[in-house]
Amino acid sequence: MRNHTRDTVLAHAAEVADTSAKRRTGLLKHESLEPGEGLWIVPCESVHTFFMKFPIDLVYLDKRHKVRKARSAVRPWRLSACLLAHSVLELPAGTVKQSGTQAGDELTFDKMA
């Protein structure tokens, strides 16, 4: 997952949560996210961090993978939404700031091998 606008990498290895079961579980079973890891939830316009053990960054995307909203270091026990979003990337806290990702940026996704 690359921020094409800023030529930065958001994640080298990200899981795709594209089924109801995967979306429900999300990152709840994780103890942490390492740099370069992430979860792409499709479709999704809101998330919660209830029962999570660590903060995460959120990048909301429209159907064309344009960033609609980015939130940094969302702590456990929070809600976040972007009604214009089609999907959301959950990334390690600090990724949004490090990559300079902001609303209007365009992301590209490499296919998995």
N, C-alpha and C. Protein backbone atom coordinates (compact mmCIF):
# COMPACT_ATOMS: atom_id res chain seq x y z
N MET A 1 0.86 -1.16 0.00
CA MET A 1 0.00 0.00 0.00
C MET A 1 0.90 1.23 0.00
N ARG A 2 0.74 2.03 -1.02
CA ARG A 2 1.62 3.18 -1.22
C ARG A 2 0.79 4.45 -1.38
N ASN A 3 1.27 5.52 -0.78
CA ASN A 3 0.68 6.82 -1.01
C ASN A 3 1.33 7.35 -2.28
N HIS A 4 0.59 7.24 -3.39
CA HIS A 4 1.11 7.64 -4.69
C HIS A 4 1.39 9.15 -4.74
N THR A 5 0.56 9.93 -4.11
CA THR A 5 0.71 11.38 -4.10
C THR A 5 2.02 11.81 -3.46
N ARG A 6 2.41 11.18 -2.36
CA ARG A 6 3.60 11.58 -1.60
C ARG A 6 4.79 10.63 -1.80
N ASP A 7 4.58 9.57 -2.60
CA ASP A 7 5.61 8.57 -2.86
C ASP A 7 6.17 7.99 -1.56
N THR A 8 5.26 7.58 -0.68
CA THR A 8 5.64 6.94 0.58
C THR A 8 4.90 5.61 0.72
N VAL A 9 5.45 4.72 1.50
CA VAL A 9 4.84 3.41 1.73
C VAL A 9 4.08 3.44 3.05
N LEU A 10 2.84 2.97 3.00
CA LEU A 10 2.03 2.86 4.21
C LEU A 10 2.14 1.47 4.83
N ALA A 11 2.17 0.44 3.99
CA ALA A 11 2.27 -0.93 4.50
C ALA A 11 2.88 -1.83 3.44
N HIS A 12 3.78 -2.71 3.89
CA HIS A 12 4.36 -3.72 3.00
C HIS A 12 3.52 -5.00 3.02
N ALA A 13 2.93 -5.27 4.17
CA ALA A 13 2.14 -6.49 4.35
C ALA A 13 0.85 -6.12 5.08
N ALA A 14 -0.26 -6.23 4.38
CA ALA A 14 -1.54 -5.90 5.00
C ALA A 14 -2.54 -7.00 4.68
N GLU A 15 -3.31 -7.34 5.68
CA GLU A 15 -4.39 -8.30 5.48
C GLU A 15 -5.59 -7.55 4.92
N VAL A 16 -6.43 -8.28 4.20
CA VAL A 16 -7.67 -7.70 3.68
C VAL A 16 -8.83 -8.34 4.43
N ALA A 17 -9.65 -7.50 5.04
CA ALA A 17 -10.86 -7.96 5.73
C ALA A 17 -12.03 -7.66 4.81
N ASP A 18 -12.37 -8.64 3.98
CA ASP A 18 -13.42 -8.43 2.99
C ASP A 18 -14.61 -9.37 3.17
N THR A 19 -14.66 -10.03 4.31
CA THR A 19 -15.82 -10.85 4.65
C THR A 19 -16.38 -10.35 5.98
N SER A 20 -17.61 -10.69 6.26
CA SER A 20 -18.23 -10.26 7.51
C SER A 20 -17.44 -10.75 8.72
N ALA A 21 -17.02 -12.00 8.70
CA ALA A 21 -16.26 -12.55 9.83
C ALA A 21 -14.93 -11.82 10.03
N LYS A 22 -14.22 -11.57 8.95
CA LYS A 22 -12.93 -10.87 9.05
C LYS A 22 -13.11 -9.43 9.52
N ARG A 23 -14.18 -8.78 9.07
CA ARG A 23 -14.44 -7.40 9.49
C ARG A 23 -14.80 -7.34 10.97
N ARG A 24 -15.57 -8.31 11.45
CA ARG A 24 -15.95 -8.33 12.86
C ARG A 24 -14.74 -8.52 13.76
N THR A 25 -13.82 -9.39 13.37
CA THR A 25 -12.63 -9.67 14.18
C THR A 25 -11.62 -8.54 14.10
N GLY A 26 -11.38 -8.03 12.89
CA GLY A 26 -10.45 -6.92 12.72
C GLY A 26 -9.11 -7.17 13.38
N LEU A 27 -8.67 -6.22 14.18
CA LEU A 27 -7.39 -6.33 14.88
C LEU A 27 -7.54 -6.74 16.34
N LEU A 28 -8.73 -7.18 16.72
CA LEU A 28 -8.98 -7.48 18.14
C LEU A 28 -8.08 -8.58 18.70
N LYS A 29 -7.64 -9.50 17.87
CA LYS A 29 -6.79 -10.59 18.36
C LYS A 29 -5.30 -10.22 18.36
N HIS A 30 -4.97 -9.06 17.84
CA HIS A 30 -3.57 -8.63 17.76
C HIS A 30 -3.12 -7.97 19.06
N GLU A 31 -1.89 -8.17 19.42
CA GLU A 31 -1.28 -7.50 20.56
C GLU A 31 -0.67 -6.17 20.13
N SER A 32 -0.31 -6.07 18.85
CA SER A 32 0.29 -4.85 18.30
C SER A 32 0.31 -4.96 16.78
N LEU A 33 0.67 -3.87 16.12
CA LEU A 33 0.94 -3.87 14.69
C LEU A 33 2.38 -3.39 14.53
N GLU A 34 3.14 -4.12 13.78
CA GLU A 34 4.53 -3.73 13.51
C GLU A 34 4.56 -2.76 12.34
N PRO A 35 5.60 -1.93 12.25
CA PRO A 35 5.72 -1.05 11.08
C PRO A 35 5.64 -1.87 9.79
N GLY A 36 4.87 -1.37 8.84
CA GLY A 36 4.70 -2.07 7.57
C GLY A 36 3.52 -3.02 7.53
N GLU A 37 2.88 -3.27 8.68
CA GLU A 37 1.70 -4.12 8.73
C GLU A 37 0.44 -3.26 8.70
N GLY A 38 -0.69 -3.90 8.39
CA GLY A 38 -1.95 -3.17 8.41
C GLY A 38 -3.12 -4.08 8.10
N LEU A 39 -4.30 -3.50 8.17
CA LEU A 39 -5.53 -4.20 7.85
C LEU A 39 -6.37 -3.28 6.98
N TRP A 40 -6.78 -3.77 5.81
CA TRP A 40 -7.64 -3.01 4.91
C TRP A 40 -9.04 -3.60 5.02
N ILE A 41 -9.98 -2.82 5.53
CA ILE A 41 -11.34 -3.28 5.75
C ILE A 41 -12.23 -2.76 4.62
N VAL A 42 -12.81 -3.71 3.87
CA VAL A 42 -13.61 -3.38 2.68
C VAL A 42 -14.92 -4.17 2.71
N PRO A 43 -16.07 -3.59 2.61
CA PRO A 43 -16.35 -2.16 2.72
C PRO A 43 -16.38 -1.75 4.19
N CYS A 44 -16.20 -0.46 4.43
CA CYS A 44 -16.21 0.04 5.81
C CYS A 44 -16.24 1.56 5.80
N GLU A 45 -17.09 2.14 6.63
CA GLU A 45 -17.13 3.60 6.77
C GLU A 45 -16.97 4.04 8.21
N SER A 46 -16.90 3.07 9.14
CA SER A 46 -16.67 3.42 10.54
C SER A 46 -16.01 2.24 11.26
N VAL A 47 -15.24 2.57 12.29
CA VAL A 47 -14.58 1.54 13.08
C VAL A 47 -14.66 1.92 14.56
N HIS A 48 -14.41 0.92 15.39
CA HIS A 48 -14.28 1.18 16.83
C HIS A 48 -12.99 0.51 17.29
N THR A 49 -12.48 1.01 18.39
CA THR A 49 -11.27 0.41 18.96
C THR A 49 -11.56 -0.19 20.34
N PHE A 50 -12.82 -0.57 20.56
CA PHE A 50 -13.20 -1.22 21.81
C PHE A 50 -12.42 -2.52 21.96
N PHE A 51 -11.90 -2.76 23.12
CA PHE A 51 -11.17 -3.98 23.49
C PHE A 51 -9.79 -4.09 22.82
N MET A 52 -9.38 -3.09 22.09
CA MET A 52 -8.04 -3.15 21.48
C MET A 52 -7.00 -2.82 22.54
N LYS A 53 -5.78 -3.25 22.28
CA LYS A 53 -4.71 -3.12 23.26
C LYS A 53 -3.69 -2.05 22.89
N PHE A 54 -3.91 -1.34 21.78
CA PHE A 54 -2.92 -0.38 21.29
C PHE A 54 -3.60 0.65 20.38
N PRO A 55 -3.01 1.84 20.24
CA PRO A 55 -3.58 2.84 19.32
C PRO A 55 -3.24 2.50 17.87
N ILE A 56 -4.06 3.01 16.97
CA ILE A 56 -3.85 2.78 15.53
C ILE A 56 -4.10 4.07 14.75
N ASP A 57 -3.54 4.15 13.56
CA ASP A 57 -3.87 5.20 12.61
C ASP A 57 -4.95 4.67 11.67
N LEU A 58 -5.81 5.56 11.21
CA LEU A 58 -6.91 5.20 10.31
C LEU A 58 -6.83 6.06 9.05
N VAL A 59 -6.96 5.42 7.91
CA VAL A 59 -7.00 6.13 6.63
C VAL A 59 -8.27 5.68 5.91
N TYR A 60 -9.23 6.60 5.79
CA TYR A 60 -10.50 6.32 5.13
C TYR A 60 -10.35 6.62 3.63
N LEU A 61 -10.82 5.67 2.80
CA LEU A 61 -10.68 5.78 1.35
C LEU A 61 -12.02 5.70 0.65
N ASP A 62 -12.13 6.40 -0.48
CA ASP A 62 -13.31 6.24 -1.32
C ASP A 62 -13.07 5.07 -2.29
N LYS A 63 -14.00 4.83 -3.18
CA LYS A 63 -13.89 3.68 -4.10
C LYS A 63 -12.71 3.79 -5.05
N ARG A 64 -12.21 5.00 -5.27
CA ARG A 64 -11.06 5.20 -6.17
C ARG A 64 -9.75 5.26 -5.41
N HIS A 65 -9.79 4.91 -4.12
CA HIS A 65 -8.62 4.88 -3.23
C HIS A 65 -8.06 6.27 -2.96
N LYS A 66 -8.93 7.25 -2.99
CA LYS A 66 -8.54 8.60 -2.62
C LYS A 66 -8.82 8.77 -1.13
N VAL A 67 -7.87 9.36 -0.41
CA VAL A 67 -8.01 9.53 1.04
C VAL A 67 -9.09 10.58 1.30
N ARG A 68 -10.10 10.19 2.06
CA ARG A 68 -11.16 11.10 2.46
C ARG A 68 -10.90 11.69 3.84
N LYS A 69 -10.20 10.91 4.69
CA LYS A 69 -9.94 11.34 6.07
C LYS A 69 -8.81 10.49 6.62
N ALA A 70 -7.95 11.09 7.43
CA ALA A 70 -6.89 10.35 8.10
C ALA A 70 -6.88 10.76 9.57
N ARG A 71 -6.79 9.75 10.45
CA ARG A 71 -6.75 10.00 11.90
C ARG A 71 -5.52 9.33 12.46
N SER A 72 -4.84 10.02 13.35
CA SER A 72 -3.60 9.51 13.93
C SER A 72 -3.80 9.05 15.38
N ALA A 73 -3.15 7.94 15.70
CA ALA A 73 -3.07 7.43 17.08
C ALA A 73 -4.42 7.38 17.78
N VAL A 74 -5.38 6.72 17.16
CA VAL A 74 -6.70 6.54 17.77
C VAL A 74 -6.56 5.51 18.88
N ARG A 75 -6.83 5.93 20.07
CA ARG A 75 -6.63 5.08 21.25
C ARG A 75 -7.77 4.06 21.41
N PRO A 76 -7.52 3.03 22.21
CA PRO A 76 -8.58 2.07 22.51
C PRO A 76 -9.81 2.75 23.10
N TRP A 77 -10.97 2.15 22.87
CA TRP A 77 -12.26 2.60 23.38
C TRP A 77 -12.75 3.88 22.69
N ARG A 78 -12.48 3.99 21.40
CA ARG A 78 -12.92 5.14 20.63
C ARG A 78 -13.76 4.68 19.43
N LEU A 79 -14.54 5.60 18.87
CA LEU A 79 -15.30 5.40 17.63
C LEU A 79 -14.77 6.39 16.61
N SER A 80 -14.79 6.00 15.35
CA SER A 80 -14.39 6.90 14.28
C SER A 80 -15.18 6.54 13.04
N ALA A 81 -15.57 7.57 12.27
CA ALA A 81 -16.35 7.33 11.06
C ALA A 81 -16.04 8.36 10.00
N CYS A 82 -16.31 7.97 8.77
CA CYS A 82 -16.25 8.88 7.61
C CYS A 82 -17.31 8.38 6.64
N LEU A 83 -18.45 9.04 6.62
CA LEU A 83 -19.58 8.56 5.83
C LEU A 83 -19.33 8.57 4.33
N LEU A 84 -18.29 9.27 3.87
CA LEU A 84 -17.94 9.29 2.46
C LEU A 84 -16.98 8.17 2.08
N ALA A 85 -16.58 7.38 3.05
CA ALA A 85 -15.59 6.32 2.81
C ALA A 85 -16.24 5.04 2.29
N HIS A 86 -15.45 4.29 1.55
CA HIS A 86 -15.82 2.96 1.10
C HIS A 86 -15.02 1.89 1.82
N SER A 87 -13.81 2.26 2.29
CA SER A 87 -12.96 1.32 3.02
C SER A 87 -12.06 2.09 3.97
N VAL A 88 -11.40 1.36 4.86
CA VAL A 88 -10.49 2.00 5.82
C VAL A 88 -9.25 1.14 5.99
N LEU A 89 -8.11 1.80 6.08
CA LEU A 89 -6.84 1.14 6.41
C LEU A 89 -6.57 1.36 7.89
N GLU A 90 -6.29 0.28 8.59
CA GLU A 90 -5.85 0.39 9.98
C GLU A 90 -4.36 0.12 9.97
N LEU A 91 -3.59 1.06 10.50
CA LEU A 91 -2.14 1.02 10.43
C LEU A 91 -1.52 1.29 11.80
N PRO A 92 -0.25 0.94 11.97
CA PRO A 92 0.41 1.25 13.25
C PRO A 92 0.38 2.75 13.52
N ALA A 93 0.19 3.12 14.78
CA ALA A 93 0.21 4.53 15.15
C ALA A 93 1.53 5.16 14.70
N GLY A 94 1.43 6.32 14.10
CA GLY A 94 2.60 7.03 13.59
C GLY A 94 2.77 6.95 12.09
N THR A 95 2.08 6.01 11.44
CA THR A 95 2.22 5.82 10.00
C THR A 95 1.71 7.02 9.22
N VAL A 96 0.58 7.58 9.61
CA VAL A 96 0.00 8.72 8.90
C VAL A 96 0.97 9.91 8.96
N LYS A 97 1.48 10.18 10.14
CA LYS A 97 2.41 11.30 10.29
C LYS A 97 3.71 11.06 9.52
N GLN A 98 4.27 9.87 9.65
CA GLN A 98 5.53 9.54 8.99
C GLN A 98 5.42 9.61 7.48
N SER A 99 4.28 9.22 6.94
CA SER A 99 4.08 9.20 5.48
C SER A 99 3.55 10.52 4.94
N GLY A 100 3.09 11.40 5.82
CA GLY A 100 2.51 12.66 5.39
C GLY A 100 1.13 12.52 4.76
N THR A 101 0.49 11.38 4.97
CA THR A 101 -0.81 11.11 4.35
C THR A 101 -1.88 12.06 4.87
N GLN A 102 -2.66 12.60 3.91
CA GLN A 102 -3.75 13.50 4.28
C GLN A 102 -4.88 13.40 3.26
N ALA A 103 -6.00 13.99 3.60
CA ALA A 103 -7.16 13.97 2.70
C ALA A 103 -6.77 14.50 1.33
N GLY A 104 -7.24 13.80 0.29
CA GLY A 104 -6.95 14.18 -1.09
C GLY A 104 -5.85 13.34 -1.72
N ASP A 105 -5.01 12.70 -0.91
CA ASP A 105 -3.95 11.85 -1.45
C ASP A 105 -4.56 10.63 -2.13
N GLU A 106 -3.84 10.08 -3.10
CA GLU A 106 -4.28 8.87 -3.78
C GLU A 106 -3.36 7.72 -3.42
N LEU A 107 -3.96 6.57 -3.09
CA LEU A 107 -3.19 5.39 -2.72
C LEU A 107 -3.23 4.38 -3.85
N THR A 108 -2.17 3.58 -3.94
CA THR A 108 -2.12 2.47 -4.88
C THR A 108 -1.84 1.21 -4.08
N PHE A 109 -2.34 0.08 -4.59
CA PHE A 109 -2.21 -1.20 -3.91
C PHE A 109 -1.55 -2.19 -4.85
N ASP A 110 -0.48 -2.80 -4.39
CA ASP A 110 0.14 -3.88 -5.15
C ASP A 110 -0.63 -5.16 -4.88
N LYS A 111 -0.79 -5.97 -5.89
CA LYS A 111 -1.48 -7.25 -5.72
C LYS A 111 -0.59 -8.21 -4.95
N MET A 112 -1.23 -9.09 -4.20
CA MET A 112 -0.49 -10.11 -3.45
C MET A 112 -0.03 -11.18 -4.41
N ALA A 113 1.12 -11.73 -4.11
CA ALA A 113 1.69 -12.78 -4.97
C ALA A 113 1.00 -14.10 -4.71
